[in-house]
Amino acid sequence: MTASIRTLLGATALCATGLAAAAETTLTIATVNNGDMIRMQGLTEDFTAKHPDIKLDWVTLEENVLRQRVTQDIATKGGQFDVMTIGTYEVPIWAKQGWLEPLTGLSDDYDAGDILPAIAGGLSMDGTLYAAPFYGESSMVMYRKDLMEKAGMEMPEAPTWDDIAKAAEAMTDKDAEIYGICLRGKAGWGENMAFLTAASNSFGARWFDMDWKPQFDTEAWKTTLTTYLDLMNKYGPPGASSNGFNENLALFQSGKCGMWIDATVAASFVTNPNDSSVADKVGFALAPDAGLGKRGNWLWAWTLGIPAGTDAPEAAKTFIEWATSKDYLALVASKEGWANVPPGTRTSLYENPEYLEAAPFAEMTLKSMEAADPTQPTVDPVPYTGVQFVAIPEFQGIGTAVGQQFSAALAGQITADQALQNAQALTEREMKRGGYIK
């Protein structure tokens, strides 16, 4: 065999090896165990048929665990994941740290300009998108129209907290295991504190004043926490301090909640007759206010981002384009109906007559998202952005620690006053450690 033929065969073998390696690109995707993400995993045959050279390996985790795992991995450059499910809180902070790949060079068909401006703004730095929204959400009141009618009441489109308390009392029938209101009690900055921080805005509370001094020693926070505890102790389900989004979703779908104030994304699940025993009995309203000019609506997006340490950035971008595209929305609609497509990300969805007809919650979802202002989230001025979170790196730890205090108060282990005192002390300590205050 001549040297030239050996060289040619060697080059061919190397080329074949390269092709085999390309054919075996595996993306490890960390995601949350919410219904829309579970649904996406069931539809990925569409992706792999179009991209047979990319294999998908899913790591599906409960919300608090997901946040801990992906934060640890990206901060230490662990390289466990190629695509991460992260939220509006993490994206701008991590982009600034250089931890995320920019989503530049997206195809024209993807139409990034169609992403709702409020959502795109929260996922961008200096005009560059660093994560793509899988779904966007606010919070709203989901309630049983039949129980309200039985009580001789009507839910206003824009209720006050007094309206909520009266409705919760009227709908509660503990002997029949029907609880007037279900709210998050599980500790976590993105669990109970997402609800409580958004609610606190409506009562005139804030996490910090303009000098970054914690504000848990104020009347506004006391009103927030005592209102929450009163509602839950009088009209909530037992064991509520362990309930997060998924637990309350199950309670509502099984007919045990008169009202649930939570993520707008839940609307498609509570109105789906395949999953919900009360599907045809659900009404929607804006999150409550206390007459101070701010409602308890939050603003959030679960997004897909690419950690800077991945060795497959182009394949990761290809997957993200598929999962957050208009075509993906149409795919879900073809399989499960327009009412079940991931909401809150694209302007075109809210201009689609098929969606508007199929989704009785579409209009209220958009109104709820528009009611939240991340740049001015509170009644009084604050030095931070974020509606149900504070956009500083320290918030993840502080928010969960405060959430543990409030969850303990809900469980009856400490009083509201003790929880607030503890929250004030631990937040002051961490803010001093972070150099925000002396």
Protein backbone atom coordinates (compact mmCIF):
# COMPACT_ATOMS: atom_id res chain seq x y z
CA MET A 1 0.00 0.00 0.00
CA THR A 2 1.48 3.35 -1.00
CA ALA A 3 1.97 6.15 1.50
CA SER A 4 -0.53 8.33 -0.36
CA ILE A 5 -3.25 5.66 -0.12
CA ARG A 6 -2.54 5.14 3.59
CA THR A 7 -2.78 8.88 4.09
CA LEU A 8 -6.09 8.98 2.23
CA LEU A 9 -7.51 6.06 4.23
CA GLY A 10 -6.33 7.64 7.46
CA ALA A 11 -8.00 10.91 6.55
CA THR A 12 -11.18 9.04 5.66
CA ALA A 13 -11.12 7.22 9.03
CA LEU A 14 -10.64 10.51 10.85
CA CYS A 15 -13.49 12.03 8.91
CA ALA A 16 -15.74 9.05 9.76
CA THR A 17 -14.75 9.36 13.40
CA GLY A 18 -15.65 13.04 13.29
CA LEU A 19 -19.02 12.27 11.75
CA ALA A 20 -19.70 9.62 14.40
CA ALA A 21 -18.84 12.12 17.11
CA ALA A 22 -21.17 14.66 15.54
CA ALA A 23 -23.90 12.04 15.38
CA GLU A 24 -23.50 11.43 19.10
CA THR A 25 -23.82 15.01 20.36
CA THR A 26 -25.77 14.72 23.62
CA LEU A 27 -27.38 17.71 25.28
CA THR A 28 -27.99 17.42 29.00
CA ILE A 29 -30.98 19.60 29.84
CA ALA A 30 -31.82 20.63 33.40
CA THR A 31 -35.48 21.49 33.78
CA VAL A 32 -38.21 22.03 36.35
CA ASN A 33 -41.00 19.49 36.97
CA ASN A 34 -43.78 21.85 35.90
CA GLY A 35 -46.48 20.61 33.56
CA ASP A 36 -45.36 22.53 30.47
CA MET A 37 -41.82 21.18 30.76
CA ILE A 38 -43.07 17.62 31.21
CA ARG A 39 -45.22 18.10 28.12
CA MET A 40 -42.19 19.34 26.16
CA GLN A 41 -40.28 16.16 26.97
CA GLY A 42 -43.15 14.13 25.54
CA LEU A 43 -42.95 16.04 22.25
CA THR A 44 -39.22 15.84 21.64
CA GLU A 45 -39.60 13.14 18.98
CA ASP A 46 -40.40 16.07 16.69
CA PHE A 47 -37.00 17.60 17.51
CA THR A 48 -34.96 14.41 17.22
CA ALA A 49 -36.62 13.56 13.90
CA LYS A 50 -35.44 16.90 12.55
CA HIS A 51 -32.04 16.70 14.26
CA PRO A 52 -31.00 13.02 14.46
CA ASP A 53 -27.43 14.10 15.28
CA ILE A 54 -28.54 15.58 18.63
CA LYS A 55 -29.56 13.36 21.54
CA LEU A 56 -31.38 14.74 24.58
CA ASP A 57 -30.72 13.73 28.18
CA TRP A 58 -33.19 15.20 30.68
CA VAL A 59 -32.58 16.02 34.34
CA THR A 60 -35.98 16.96 35.78
CA LEU A 61 -36.04 18.46 39.27
CA GLU A 62 -38.37 20.11 41.79
CA GLU A 63 -38.12 23.91 41.62
CA ASN A 64 -36.01 24.56 44.73
CA VAL A 65 -33.64 21.68 43.91
CA LEU A 66 -33.30 22.80 40.29
CA ARG A 67 -32.26 26.29 41.35
CA GLN A 68 -29.68 24.95 43.78
CA ARG A 69 -28.20 22.51 41.25
CA VAL A 70 -27.93 24.86 38.28
CA THR A 71 -26.61 27.75 40.39
CA GLN A 72 -23.91 25.59 41.90
CA ASP A 73 -22.98 24.14 38.54
CA ILE A 74 -22.73 27.41 36.66
CA ALA A 75 -20.91 29.25 39.46
CA THR A 76 -18.27 26.52 39.73
CA LYS A 77 -18.12 25.93 35.94
CA GLY A 78 -19.05 22.32 36.63
CA GLY A 79 -20.20 21.67 33.07
CA GLN A 80 -22.97 19.20 33.99
CA PHE A 81 -25.57 20.87 31.77
CA ASP A 82 -25.74 22.16 28.20
CA VAL A 83 -29.17 23.78 28.54
CA MET A 84 -30.56 25.14 31.81
CA THR A 85 -34.10 26.08 32.74
CA ILE A 86 -33.63 29.37 34.57
CA GLY A 87 -35.82 32.33 35.39
CA THR A 88 -36.08 36.07 34.96
CA TYR A 89 -34.14 36.50 38.21
CA GLU A 90 -31.01 34.62 37.14
CA VAL A 91 -30.63 35.71 33.52
CA PRO A 92 -29.44 39.34 33.88
CA ILE A 93 -27.26 38.53 36.90
CA TRP A 94 -25.59 35.55 35.24
CA ALA A 95 -25.22 37.34 31.91
CA LYS A 96 -23.35 40.15 33.68
CA GLN A 97 -21.05 37.55 35.25
CA GLY A 98 -20.29 36.08 31.81
CA TRP A 99 -21.87 32.77 32.79
CA LEU A 100 -24.32 32.55 29.85
CA GLU A 101 -23.81 32.26 26.11
CA PRO A 102 -25.54 35.13 24.25
CA LEU A 103 -28.37 33.97 22.00
CA THR A 104 -27.09 35.75 18.92
CA GLY A 105 -27.52 34.57 15.35
CA LEU A 106 -31.04 33.18 15.83
CA SER A 107 -32.76 32.38 12.55
CA ASP A 108 -35.13 34.78 10.81
CA ASP A 109 -37.91 32.19 11.13
CA TYR A 110 -37.49 32.26 14.90
CA ASP A 111 -38.59 35.93 14.93
CA ALA A 112 -37.08 37.11 18.22
CA GLY A 113 -38.86 40.43 17.72
CA ASP A 114 -42.17 38.66 18.39
CA ILE A 115 -41.24 37.99 22.03
CA LEU A 116 -43.34 40.18 24.34
CA PRO A 117 -41.26 43.32 25.13
CA ALA A 118 -41.71 43.04 28.92
CA ILE A 119 -40.38 39.47 28.82
CA ALA A 120 -37.55 40.11 26.35
CA GLY A 121 -36.36 43.12 28.35
CA GLY A 122 -35.92 41.01 31.46
CA LEU A 123 -33.86 38.43 29.57
CA SER A 124 -31.50 40.85 27.83
CA MET A 125 -28.34 42.78 28.63
CA ASP A 126 -27.31 45.73 26.47
CA GLY A 127 -29.92 44.71 23.92
CA THR A 128 -28.68 41.12 23.57
CA LEU A 129 -30.92 38.18 24.49
CA TYR A 130 -29.26 35.73 26.92
CA ALA A 131 -32.13 33.26 27.37
CA ALA A 132 -35.28 32.42 25.44
CA PRO A 133 -38.64 32.27 27.23
CA PHE A 134 -40.40 28.92 27.25
CA TYR A 135 -43.39 30.46 28.98
CA GLY A 136 -44.15 33.75 30.65
CA GLU A 137 -46.49 34.38 33.51
CA SER A 138 -47.92 36.72 36.05
CA SER A 139 -50.13 35.73 38.96
CA MET A 140 -53.89 35.92 39.19
CA VAL A 141 -56.90 34.69 41.14
CA MET A 142 -58.34 31.39 39.96
CA TYR A 143 -61.67 30.69 41.65
CA ARG A 144 -64.64 28.33 41.62
CA LYS A 145 -67.53 30.11 39.94
CA ASP A 146 -69.99 27.50 41.23
CA LEU A 147 -68.99 28.02 44.86
CA MET A 148 -69.16 31.80 44.48
CA GLU A 149 -72.64 31.50 42.99
CA LYS A 150 -73.69 29.16 45.79
CA ALA A 151 -72.53 31.79 48.28
CA GLY A 152 -74.50 34.47 46.45
CA MET A 153 -71.34 36.39 45.56
CA GLU A 154 -69.53 37.63 42.46
CA MET A 155 -65.77 37.98 42.09
CA PRO A 156 -64.77 41.43 40.79
CA GLU A 157 -62.35 41.48 37.86
CA ALA A 158 -59.99 43.58 40.03
CA PRO A 159 -60.60 42.41 43.63
CA THR A 160 -59.26 43.87 46.86
CA TRP A 161 -57.81 41.81 49.68
CA ASP A 162 -61.10 42.40 51.55
CA ASP A 163 -62.97 40.84 48.62
CA ILE A 164 -60.64 37.84 48.79
CA ALA A 165 -61.18 37.38 52.54
CA LYS A 166 -64.99 37.54 52.19
CA ALA A 167 -64.96 35.06 49.31
CA ALA A 168 -62.62 32.68 51.15
CA GLU A 169 -64.92 32.68 54.18
CA ALA A 170 -68.02 32.12 52.09
CA MET A 171 -66.57 29.19 50.14
CA THR A 172 -64.94 27.32 53.02
CA ASP A 173 -66.58 24.04 54.01
CA LYS A 174 -63.95 22.12 55.95
CA ASP A 175 -66.30 19.21 56.68
CA ALA A 176 -66.50 18.66 52.92
CA GLU A 177 -62.74 19.27 52.57
CA ILE A 178 -63.29 22.44 50.57
CA TYR A 179 -60.94 25.23 51.61
CA GLY A 180 -61.73 28.81 50.68
CA ILE A 181 -58.19 29.64 49.65
CA CYS A 182 -54.98 27.82 48.76
CA LEU A 183 -51.68 29.73 48.76
CA ARG A 184 -48.04 28.74 48.66
CA GLY A 185 -46.53 27.87 52.03
CA LYS A 186 -43.43 25.90 51.06
CA ALA A 187 -40.27 27.84 51.92
CA GLY A 188 -38.20 29.18 49.04
CA TRP A 189 -37.41 32.49 47.40
CA GLY A 190 -39.32 31.29 44.34
CA GLU A 191 -42.01 29.45 46.32
CA ASN A 192 -43.75 31.17 49.25
CA MET A 193 -41.67 34.33 48.87
CA ALA A 194 -42.72 34.79 45.24
CA PHE A 195 -46.31 35.04 46.42
CA LEU A 196 -45.57 37.03 49.58
CA THR A 197 -43.21 39.53 47.95
CA ALA A 198 -45.71 40.26 45.17
CA ALA A 199 -48.49 40.55 47.77
CA SER A 200 -46.36 42.83 49.95
CA ASN A 201 -46.05 45.32 47.08
CA SER A 202 -49.82 45.79 47.15
CA PHE A 203 -49.74 46.54 50.90
CA GLY A 204 -47.07 49.23 50.46
CA ALA A 205 -44.23 47.05 51.75
CA ARG A 206 -40.77 46.70 50.22
CA TRP A 207 -37.68 44.61 50.91
CA PHE A 208 -35.32 47.57 51.19
CA ASP A 209 -35.48 51.34 51.37
CA MET A 210 -33.37 53.52 49.09
CA ASP A 211 -30.35 53.01 51.36
CA TRP A 212 -30.69 49.19 51.19
CA LYS A 213 -31.91 48.96 54.78
CA PRO A 214 -34.25 45.95 55.26
CA GLN A 215 -37.88 46.85 55.94
CA PHE A 216 -39.39 43.86 57.77
CA ASP A 217 -39.85 45.99 60.90
CA THR A 218 -42.52 48.11 59.18
CA GLU A 219 -46.31 48.08 59.56
CA ALA A 220 -46.68 47.30 55.85
CA TRP A 221 -44.84 43.98 56.19
CA LYS A 222 -46.74 43.15 59.38
CA THR A 223 -50.02 43.73 57.53
CA THR A 224 -48.82 41.54 54.65
CA LEU A 225 -47.83 38.61 56.82
CA THR A 226 -50.79 38.75 59.20
CA THR A 227 -53.25 38.98 56.30
CA TYR A 228 -51.66 35.90 54.74
CA LEU A 229 -51.61 33.93 58.00
CA ASP A 230 -55.22 34.87 58.83
CA LEU A 231 -56.43 33.72 55.41
CA MET A 232 -54.54 30.45 55.59
CA ASN A 233 -55.28 29.62 59.23
CA LYS A 234 -59.00 30.29 58.86
CA TYR A 235 -59.71 29.13 55.34
CA GLY A 236 -56.65 27.21 54.05
CA PRO A 237 -55.93 23.48 53.81
CA PRO A 238 -54.07 21.56 56.54
CA GLY A 239 -50.32 21.17 56.13
CA ALA A 240 -50.12 24.28 53.95
CA SER A 241 -46.54 25.05 55.02
CA SER A 242 -45.46 22.15 52.78
CA ASN A 243 -47.47 23.25 49.74
CA GLY A 244 -45.86 24.84 46.70
CA PHE A 245 -47.14 25.35 43.16
CA ASN A 246 -47.59 21.68 42.27
CA GLU A 247 -49.24 20.71 45.57
CA ASN A 248 -51.78 23.53 45.29
CA LEU A 249 -52.43 22.71 41.65
CA ALA A 250 -53.35 19.15 42.67
CA LEU A 251 -55.63 20.46 45.44
CA PHE A 252 -57.42 22.84 43.08
CA GLN A 253 -57.82 20.27 40.32
CA SER A 254 -59.37 17.82 42.78
CA GLY A 255 -61.96 20.39 43.88
CA LYS A 256 -60.54 21.16 47.31
CA CYS A 257 -59.81 24.91 46.79
CA GLY A 258 -62.37 27.66 46.41
CA MET A 259 -59.63 30.06 45.34
CA TRP A 260 -55.99 29.88 44.37
CA ILE A 261 -53.78 32.92 43.78
CA ASP A 262 -50.82 31.74 41.78
CA ALA A 263 -49.12 31.62 38.39
CA THR A 264 -51.24 32.37 35.34
CA VAL A 265 -49.62 29.39 33.62
CA ALA A 266 -51.75 27.15 35.85
CA ALA A 267 -54.88 28.28 34.04
CA SER A 268 -54.54 25.74 31.22
CA PHE A 269 -54.15 22.92 33.75
CA VAL A 270 -57.12 23.83 35.96
CA THR A 271 -59.38 24.18 32.89
CA ASN A 272 -58.23 20.96 31.22
CA PRO A 273 -61.06 18.39 31.59
CA ASN A 274 -58.56 15.54 31.31
CA ASP A 275 -56.83 16.64 34.52
CA SER A 276 -59.21 18.86 36.47
CA SER A 277 -62.48 17.84 38.09
CA VAL A 278 -63.56 21.52 38.12
CA ALA A 279 -62.44 22.39 34.57
CA ASP A 280 -65.74 24.00 33.56
CA LYS A 281 -66.21 25.90 36.81
CA VAL A 282 -63.11 28.15 36.93
CA GLY A 283 -63.13 31.95 36.77
CA PHE A 284 -60.21 34.38 36.69
CA ALA A 285 -59.44 37.78 38.21
CA LEU A 286 -56.46 40.07 38.71
CA ALA A 287 -54.33 39.55 41.82
CA PRO A 288 -55.67 41.64 44.72
CA ASP A 289 -54.79 45.16 45.80
CA ALA A 290 -55.20 47.21 48.96
CA GLY A 291 -56.11 50.48 47.26
CA LEU A 292 -52.54 51.82 47.19
CA GLY A 293 -51.96 51.67 43.44
CA LYS A 294 -50.09 48.36 43.19
CA ARG A 295 -51.57 44.90 42.71
CA GLY A 296 -50.14 41.57 43.83
CA ASN A 297 -49.28 40.52 40.28
CA TRP A 298 -45.79 39.18 39.66
CA LEU A 299 -43.88 38.86 36.38
CA TRP A 300 -41.82 35.80 35.55
CA ALA A 301 -40.58 33.69 32.70
CA TRP A 302 -39.15 30.21 32.77
CA THR A 303 -36.46 30.32 30.13
CA LEU A 304 -33.85 28.17 28.45
CA GLY A 305 -30.26 29.39 28.61
CA ILE A 306 -26.86 28.03 27.63
CA PRO A 307 -24.11 27.94 30.26
CA ALA A 308 -20.82 29.39 29.03
CA GLY A 309 -19.03 26.13 29.88
CA THR A 310 -20.94 23.91 27.44
CA ASP A 311 -18.98 22.14 24.71
CA ALA A 312 -22.04 22.07 22.43
CA PRO A 313 -23.27 25.67 22.18
CA GLU A 314 -24.59 25.42 18.62
CA ALA A 315 -26.55 22.23 19.31
CA ALA A 316 -27.92 23.84 22.48
CA LYS A 317 -29.02 26.90 20.51
CA THR A 318 -30.68 24.64 17.93
CA PHE A 319 -32.70 22.96 20.70
CA ILE A 320 -33.67 26.27 22.31
CA GLU A 321 -34.89 27.64 18.98
CA TRP A 322 -37.10 24.55 18.57
CA ALA A 323 -38.51 24.62 22.11
CA THR A 324 -39.37 28.34 22.18
CA SER A 325 -40.49 28.85 18.57
CA LYS A 326 -43.85 29.65 17.01
CA ASP A 327 -43.66 26.19 15.42
CA TYR A 328 -43.46 24.59 18.88
CA LEU A 329 -46.63 26.43 19.93
CA ALA A 330 -48.34 25.09 16.80
CA LEU A 331 -47.02 21.59 17.59
CA VAL A 332 -48.57 21.65 21.08
CA ALA A 333 -51.80 23.01 19.63
CA SER A 334 -51.95 20.18 17.07
CA LYS A 335 -51.45 17.56 19.78
CA GLU A 336 -53.35 18.99 22.76
CA GLY A 337 -55.30 22.03 21.57
CA TRP A 338 -54.52 25.75 21.59
CA ALA A 339 -55.57 26.16 25.23
CA ASN A 340 -52.55 24.10 26.30
CA VAL A 341 -49.75 25.95 24.50
CA PRO A 342 -47.10 27.63 26.70
CA PRO A 343 -48.44 31.14 27.33
CA GLY A 344 -47.02 34.59 27.88
CA THR A 345 -44.07 34.75 25.50
CA ARG A 346 -45.12 35.93 22.04
CA THR A 347 -47.20 38.87 20.83
CA SER A 348 -48.53 36.79 17.94
CA LEU A 349 -50.13 34.29 20.32
CA TYR A 350 -52.37 37.00 21.77
CA GLU A 351 -53.34 38.05 18.24
CA ASN A 352 -54.25 34.48 17.26
CA PRO A 353 -58.07 34.09 17.16
CA GLU A 354 -57.83 30.31 17.59
CA TYR A 355 -55.94 30.76 20.86
CA LEU A 356 -58.18 33.54 22.13
CA GLU A 357 -61.25 31.40 21.46
CA ALA A 358 -59.79 28.26 23.03
CA ALA A 359 -58.24 29.87 26.13
CA PRO A 360 -60.77 31.63 28.39
CA PHE A 361 -57.88 32.85 30.52
CA ALA A 362 -55.84 34.47 27.70
CA GLU A 363 -57.10 38.01 28.19
CA MET A 364 -56.68 37.92 31.98
CA THR A 365 -53.16 36.49 31.62
CA LEU A 366 -52.10 39.39 29.42
CA LYS A 367 -53.79 41.95 31.70
CA SER A 368 -52.04 40.41 34.70
CA MET A 369 -48.64 40.57 33.03
CA GLU A 370 -49.25 44.19 32.06
CA ALA A 371 -50.23 45.02 35.68
CA ALA A 372 -46.71 44.18 36.93
CA ASP A 373 -43.87 46.68 36.54
CA PRO A 374 -40.40 45.29 37.39
CA THR A 375 -38.84 48.76 37.16
CA GLN A 376 -41.26 50.30 39.69
CA PRO A 377 -42.60 47.33 41.65
CA THR A 378 -43.51 49.06 44.91
CA VAL A 379 -45.61 51.96 46.22
CA ASP A 380 -42.55 53.76 47.62
CA PRO A 381 -39.25 54.02 45.69
CA VAL A 382 -36.73 51.18 45.88
CA PRO A 383 -33.14 50.77 44.62
CA TYR A 384 -33.87 47.43 42.98
CA THR A 385 -35.83 45.93 40.10
CA GLY A 386 -37.99 42.82 40.23
CA VAL A 387 -41.60 42.31 41.26
CA GLN A 388 -41.55 39.09 43.28
CA PHE A 389 -37.79 39.09 43.79
CA VAL A 390 -34.94 41.56 44.27
CA ALA A 391 -32.48 41.44 41.38
CA ILE A 392 -29.27 41.13 43.40
CA PRO A 393 -27.14 37.97 43.70
CA GLU A 394 -27.66 37.76 47.47
CA PHE A 395 -31.43 37.50 47.16
CA GLN A 396 -31.46 33.78 46.42
CA GLY A 397 -30.06 32.96 49.87
CA ILE A 398 -31.79 35.76 51.77
CA GLY A 399 -35.16 35.13 50.14
CA THR A 400 -35.12 31.44 51.05
CA ALA A 401 -34.03 32.17 54.63
CA VAL A 402 -36.88 34.67 55.06
CA GLY A 403 -39.24 32.16 53.42
CA GLN A 404 -38.28 29.61 56.06
CA GLN A 405 -39.28 32.06 58.80
CA PHE A 406 -42.65 32.77 57.22
CA SER A 407 -43.26 29.07 56.56
CA ALA A 408 -42.53 28.38 60.23
CA ALA A 409 -45.08 31.04 61.20
CA LEU A 410 -47.66 29.36 58.97
CA ALA A 411 -46.90 26.02 60.63
CA GLY A 412 -47.50 27.64 64.04
CA GLN A 413 -43.91 27.16 65.20
CA ILE A 414 -43.30 30.91 65.72
CA THR A 415 -45.48 34.02 65.80
CA ALA A 416 -45.79 36.55 62.99
CA ASP A 417 -43.86 39.09 65.08
CA GLN A 418 -41.04 36.60 65.70
CA ALA A 419 -40.88 35.72 62.00
CA LEU A 420 -40.61 39.39 61.04
CA GLN A 421 -37.96 40.09 63.69
CA ASN A 422 -35.93 37.11 62.51
CA ALA A 423 -36.34 38.18 58.88
CA GLN A 424 -35.13 41.68 59.70
CA ALA A 425 -32.10 40.43 61.63
CA LEU A 426 -30.93 37.84 59.09
CA THR A 427 -31.45 40.20 56.14
CA GLU A 428 -29.53 43.00 57.88
CA ARG A 429 -26.70 40.57 58.60
CA GLU A 430 -26.43 39.42 54.99
CA MET A 431 -26.68 42.95 53.59
CA LYS A 432 -23.84 44.06 55.86
CA ARG A 433 -21.82 41.06 54.75
CA GLY A 434 -22.49 42.01 51.12
CA GLY A 435 -21.37 45.59 51.71
CA TYR A 436 -24.76 47.19 51.00
CA ILE A 437 -25.07 48.69 54.50
CA LYS A 438 -22.67 49.32 57.40
